[in-house]
N, C-alpha and C. Protein backbone atom coordinates (compact mmCIF):
# COMPACT_ATOMS: atom_id res chain seq x y z
N MET A 1 -4.98 -0.46 8.28
CA MET A 1 -4.60 0.61 7.67
C MET A 1 -5.00 1.75 8.23
N ASP A 2 -4.42 2.99 8.60
CA ASP A 2 -5.33 4.11 9.42
C ASP A 2 -5.69 5.06 8.47
N LEU A 3 -6.31 6.16 8.29
CA LEU A 3 -6.84 6.93 7.62
C LEU A 3 -5.45 7.87 7.19
N LYS A 4 -4.83 8.12 7.86
CA LYS A 4 -3.73 9.13 7.56
C LYS A 4 -3.01 8.29 6.28
N LYS A 5 -2.29 7.03 6.38
CA LYS A 5 -1.88 6.34 5.75
C LYS A 5 -2.60 6.23 4.18
N ILE A 6 -3.96 6.13 4.32
CA ILE A 6 -4.66 5.97 3.30
C ILE A 6 -4.77 7.35 2.47
N LYS A 7 -4.81 8.45 3.04
CA LYS A 7 -4.67 9.85 2.50
C LYS A 7 -3.50 9.88 1.78
N GLU A 8 -2.30 9.45 2.52
CA GLU A 8 -0.99 9.56 1.87
C GLU A 8 -0.92 8.72 0.57
N ARG A 9 -1.37 7.79 0.37
CA ARG A 9 -1.34 6.86 -0.66
C ARG A 9 -2.10 7.70 -1.55
N ILE A 10 -3.33 7.98 -1.40
CA ILE A 10 -4.36 8.68 -2.55
C ILE A 10 -3.59 9.92 -3.28
N THR A 11 -2.88 10.64 -2.27
CA THR A 11 -2.16 11.82 -2.75
C THR A 11 -0.84 11.41 -3.81
N LEU A 12 -0.44 10.44 -3.42
CA LEU A 12 0.81 9.74 -4.16
C LEU A 12 0.22 9.09 -5.47
N ILE A 13 -1.05 8.53 -5.50
CA ILE A 13 -1.65 8.16 -6.71
C ILE A 13 -1.98 9.49 -7.72
N GLU A 14 -2.51 10.20 -6.95
CA GLU A 14 -3.04 11.66 -7.73
C GLU A 14 -1.71 12.22 -8.40
N SER A 15 -0.62 12.37 -7.52
CA SER A 15 0.63 12.95 -8.22
C SER A 15 1.25 12.00 -9.36
N LYS A 16 0.66 10.88 -9.49
CA LYS A 16 1.47 9.97 -10.69
C LYS A 16 0.36 10.01 -11.75
N ARG A 17 -0.75 10.44 -11.69
CA ARG A 17 -1.82 10.39 -12.64
C ARG A 17 -1.44 11.31 -14.00
N GLU A 18 -0.54 12.23 -13.69
CA GLU A 18 -0.16 12.78 -15.12
C GLU A 18 0.83 12.13 -15.98
N SER A 19 1.62 11.18 -15.13
CA SER A 19 2.47 10.40 -16.17
C SER A 19 1.48 9.52 -17.22
N LEU A 20 0.73 9.22 -16.71
CA LEU A 20 -0.47 8.36 -17.52
C LEU A 20 -1.09 9.30 -18.57
N VAL A 21 -1.58 10.50 -18.34
CA VAL A 21 -2.01 11.43 -19.29
C VAL A 21 -1.07 11.67 -20.15
N GLN A 22 0.16 11.87 -19.75
CA GLN A 22 1.15 12.01 -20.71
C GLN A 22 1.44 10.93 -21.72
N LEU A 23 1.69 9.70 -21.19
CA LEU A 23 1.52 8.47 -22.10
C LEU A 23 0.57 8.38 -22.88
N LEU A 24 -0.53 8.77 -22.77
CA LEU A 24 -1.91 8.78 -23.38
C LEU A 24 -1.60 9.70 -24.52
N GLU A 25 -1.13 10.83 -24.54
CA GLU A 25 -0.87 11.71 -25.49
C GLU A 25 0.23 11.18 -26.80
N GLN A 26 1.15 10.18 -26.42
CA GLN A 26 2.03 9.61 -27.42
C GLN A 26 1.33 9.08 -28.53
N PRO A 27 1.53 9.60 -29.98
CA PRO A 27 0.97 9.06 -31.03
C PRO A 27 1.52 7.55 -31.21
N ASP A 28 2.39 6.99 -30.91
CA ASP A 28 2.90 5.61 -31.38
C ASP A 28 2.39 4.52 -30.28
N LEU A 29 1.33 5.14 -29.25
CA LEU A 29 1.20 3.99 -28.35
C LEU A 29 0.40 2.75 -28.79
N GLY A 30 -0.19 2.65 -29.90
CA GLY A 30 -0.98 1.75 -30.52
C GLY A 30 -2.00 0.99 -29.54
N ASN A 31 -2.00 -0.36 -29.40
CA ASN A 31 -3.21 -0.99 -28.75
C ASN A 31 -3.03 -0.68 -27.04
N LEU A 32 -1.80 -0.33 -26.92
CA LEU A 32 -1.67 -0.09 -25.50
C LEU A 32 -2.38 1.32 -24.60
N ARG A 33 -2.64 1.94 -25.78
CA ARG A 33 -3.49 3.21 -25.57
C ARG A 33 -4.98 2.76 -24.73
N ILE A 34 -5.52 1.75 -25.16
CA ILE A 34 -6.77 1.29 -24.40
C ILE A 34 -6.28 0.89 -23.18
N ASP A 35 -5.33 0.06 -22.80
CA ASP A 35 -4.76 -0.07 -21.14
C ASP A 35 -4.61 1.15 -20.58
N VAL A 36 -3.91 2.13 -21.07
CA VAL A 36 -3.48 3.29 -20.27
C VAL A 36 -5.02 3.89 -19.85
N ASN A 37 -5.55 4.04 -21.02
CA ASN A 37 -7.01 4.63 -20.94
C ASN A 37 -7.87 4.09 -19.85
N GLN A 38 -7.68 2.68 -19.59
CA GLN A 38 -8.36 2.19 -18.72
C GLN A 38 -7.96 2.18 -17.19
N ALA A 39 -6.25 2.52 -17.21
CA ALA A 39 -5.79 2.67 -15.90
C ALA A 39 -6.13 4.02 -15.45
N LEU A 40 -6.41 5.01 -16.56
CA LEU A 40 -6.72 6.38 -15.94
C LEU A 40 -8.23 6.47 -15.35
N GLU A 41 -9.08 5.61 -15.91
CA GLU A 41 -10.48 5.71 -15.39
C GLU A 41 -10.44 4.89 -14.07
N GLU A 42 -9.67 4.01 -13.99
CA GLU A 42 -10.05 3.13 -12.58
C GLU A 42 -9.38 4.08 -11.71
N LEU A 43 -8.04 4.98 -12.01
CA LEU A 43 -7.63 6.00 -10.95
C LEU A 43 -8.28 6.82 -10.49
N ASP A 44 -9.09 7.41 -11.58
CA ASP A 44 -10.24 8.56 -11.48
C ASP A 44 -11.47 7.79 -10.40
N ASP A 45 -11.62 6.75 -10.77
CA ASP A 45 -13.07 6.10 -9.73
C ASP A 45 -12.28 6.16 -8.39
N LEU A 46 -11.13 5.42 -8.32
CA LEU A 46 -10.36 5.15 -7.03
C LEU A 46 -10.62 6.86 -6.18
N ILE A 47 -10.17 7.54 -7.07
CA ILE A 47 -10.07 8.94 -6.15
C ILE A 47 -11.35 9.62 -5.88
N ASP A 48 -12.24 9.48 -6.71
CA ASP A 48 -13.65 9.90 -6.62
C ASP A 48 -14.27 8.97 -5.39
N GLU A 49 -13.91 7.93 -5.24
CA GLU A 49 -14.68 7.09 -4.16
C GLU A 49 -14.02 7.71 -2.70
N PHE A 50 -12.91 7.77 -2.85
CA PHE A 50 -12.00 8.23 -1.67
C PHE A 50 -12.73 9.53 -1.23
N LYS A 51 -12.98 10.48 -2.22
CA LYS A 51 -13.05 11.87 -1.82
C LYS A 51 -14.93 11.64 -1.46
N ARG A 52 -15.85 10.77 -1.94
CA ARG A 52 -17.12 10.51 -1.37
C ARG A 52 -17.26 10.06 -0.20
N THR A 53 -16.10 9.00 -0.05
CA THR A 53 -16.14 8.21 1.42
C THR A 53 -15.48 9.09 2.49
N PHE A 54 -14.57 10.15 2.38
CA PHE A 54 -14.14 10.72 3.14
C PHE A 54 -14.19 12.28 2.83
N PRO A 55 -15.00 12.70 2.80
CA PRO A 55 -15.15 14.39 2.23
C PRO A 55 -14.40 15.29 3.02
N ASP A 56 -14.14 15.06 4.32
CA ASP A 56 -13.38 16.03 4.88
C ASP A 56 -12.05 15.74 4.87
N GLN A 57 -11.66 14.79 4.45
CA GLN A 57 -10.18 14.41 4.42
C GLN A 57 -9.59 15.30 2.99
N THR A 58 -10.57 15.45 2.19
CA THR A 58 -10.11 16.16 0.74
C THR A 58 -9.58 17.59 1.11
N LYS A 59 -10.28 18.25 2.13
CA LYS A 59 -10.09 19.62 2.17
C LYS A 59 -8.86 19.94 3.25
N ALA A 60 -8.52 19.16 3.85
CA ALA A 60 -7.50 19.36 5.02
C ALA A 60 -6.11 18.59 4.46
N SER A 61 -4.79 19.34 4.17
CA SER A 61 -3.68 18.54 3.80
C SER A 61 -3.01 18.14 5.00
């Protein structure tokens, strides 16, 4: 997989993150809240790792 394709996928993941945040705000989520929170943490870790690994790629679109 080339860097351009990886950057496109990371951008897509970043755009979907807000859906998880909105889901986490639902009051009737129950035990699923733990899983949604974990998914958010893992997404954030993935995005941060990409930015640390390819710092030049986060500035250019």
